[in-house]
Every structure is written in C-alpha cells, then in structure tokens.
Amino acid sequence: LGKTLQAISILAYNLDFRNIRGPHLIIIPKSTMSNWRGEFGNFCPDLQIQCLYGDGPTRQKQITEVICPKSLKENRKWDVCIT
C-alpha cells in the first residue's frame, strides 16, 4: 500500500522544499524497524535516523544520551526517531 514511502516522502518534501529537518517521531511495529531504516537510506539519505528500541534501561540510555529532549537543535544528531 506504500504507507512507508508516503510517510518518507512527506518528510523528504519538508526537508527539500520547506527546510524542515525535524525532529520527527515515527511509531511503528518493531518487526518493521529494519525495513523503515532501509527505506530511509534508499529514498531520503539526507535525513539522520535514530532507532529507539531495546529493553527499558537501554531505551533510557538512548534517550538521555542521544535523543535528549532538552538539547538544542544545533546539537541534535538525528532528524527522525523511529520507535
């Protein structure tokens, strides 16, 4: 049905034509995580992807060290968080 590519195309449009890099949050089934990451690599490699997954302590570590909701925009190393 192309839902993955439709979502990626909206984010690519925002990046290319409106200069909006994010942050964006995409909530997906865990079983599709690798597919989403691959599709971003194929269709919009300019966006930096961060996958948020794992057990509770692992996710908490990713949040505090990478996602960091209080970090400034220029310090953020990701554009799209997939979880």
Protein backbone atom coordinates (compact mmCIF):
# COMPACT_ATOMS: atom_id res chain seq x y z
CA LEU A 1 0.00 0.00 0.00
CA GLY A 2 3.02 2.31 0.17
CA LYS A 3 2.44 3.81 3.63
CA THR A 4 6.16 3.75 4.42
CA LEU A 5 7.08 5.63 1.26
CA GLN A 6 4.22 8.10 1.72
CA ALA A 7 5.49 8.99 5.19
CA ILE A 8 9.10 9.25 3.98
CA SER A 9 8.06 11.39 1.02
CA ILE A 10 6.33 13.91 3.33
CA LEU A 11 9.50 14.18 5.43
CA ALA A 12 11.65 14.48 2.27
CA TYR A 13 9.35 17.23 0.95
CA ASN A 14 9.63 19.11 4.25
CA LEU A 15 13.41 18.82 4.08
CA ASP A 16 13.86 19.76 0.42
CA PHE A 17 11.21 22.44 -0.06
CA ARG A 18 10.49 23.82 3.40
CA ASN A 19 13.91 23.27 5.03
CA ILE A 20 12.37 21.42 7.99
CA ARG A 21 14.76 18.74 9.28
CA GLY A 22 12.73 17.69 12.29
CA PRO A 23 12.58 16.45 14.91
CA HIS A 24 10.06 13.86 13.74
CA LEU A 25 8.76 10.82 15.63
CA ILE A 26 7.53 7.72 13.80
CA ILE A 27 5.91 4.94 15.83
CA ILE A 28 5.94 1.58 14.08
CA PRO A 29 5.75 -2.14 14.88
CA LYS A 30 9.15 -3.42 15.99
CA SER A 31 9.09 -6.07 13.28
CA THR A 32 9.27 -3.37 10.58
CA MET A 33 12.15 -1.34 12.10
CA SER A 34 14.87 -2.62 9.73
CA ASN A 35 12.60 -2.09 6.70
CA TRP A 36 11.93 1.54 7.67
CA ARG A 37 15.62 2.21 8.24
CA GLY A 38 16.46 0.72 4.85
CA GLU A 39 13.76 2.70 3.06
CA PHE A 40 15.03 5.95 4.59
CA GLY A 41 18.51 5.04 3.36
CA ASN A 42 17.20 4.42 -0.15
CA PHE A 43 14.76 7.30 -0.58
CA CYS A 44 15.93 10.07 1.76
CA PRO A 45 19.53 9.50 2.87
CA ASP A 46 19.90 13.17 3.88
CA LEU A 47 17.76 12.62 6.97
CA GLN A 48 19.58 11.25 10.02
CA ILE A 49 17.65 8.36 11.57
CA GLN A 50 17.73 7.27 15.21
CA CYS A 51 16.12 3.97 16.12
CA LEU A 52 14.82 3.81 19.68
CA TYR A 53 14.43 0.19 20.75
CA GLY A 54 15.62 -2.32 23.32
CA ASP A 55 14.79 -3.08 26.93
CA GLY A 56 13.89 -0.35 29.41
CA PRO A 57 17.41 0.56 30.59
CA THR A 58 18.75 0.54 27.01
CA ARG A 59 15.98 2.86 25.80
CA GLN A 60 16.51 5.16 28.77
CA LYS A 61 20.22 5.37 27.97
CA GLN A 62 19.44 6.19 24.31
CA ILE A 63 17.00 8.88 25.42
CA THR A 64 19.39 10.58 27.81
CA GLU A 65 22.47 10.29 25.59
CA VAL A 66 21.12 10.59 22.02
CA ILE A 67 17.51 11.73 21.91
CA CYS A 68 17.98 14.23 24.75
CA PRO A 69 14.75 16.23 24.60
CA LYS A 70 16.40 19.28 26.23
CA SER A 71 19.26 19.51 23.75
CA LEU A 72 19.48 22.43 21.39
CA LYS A 73 18.56 21.97 17.75
CA GLU A 74 22.12 22.52 16.53
CA ASN A 75 23.39 19.80 18.89
CA ARG A 76 20.82 17.19 17.79
CA LYS A 77 22.42 14.43 15.71
CA TRP A 78 19.15 12.97 14.39
CA ASP A 79 16.19 14.19 12.36
CA VAL A 80 13.79 11.27 12.65
CA CYS A 81 13.32 8.97 15.62
CA ILE A 82 11.81 5.59 14.78
CA THR A 83 10.34 3.62 17.67
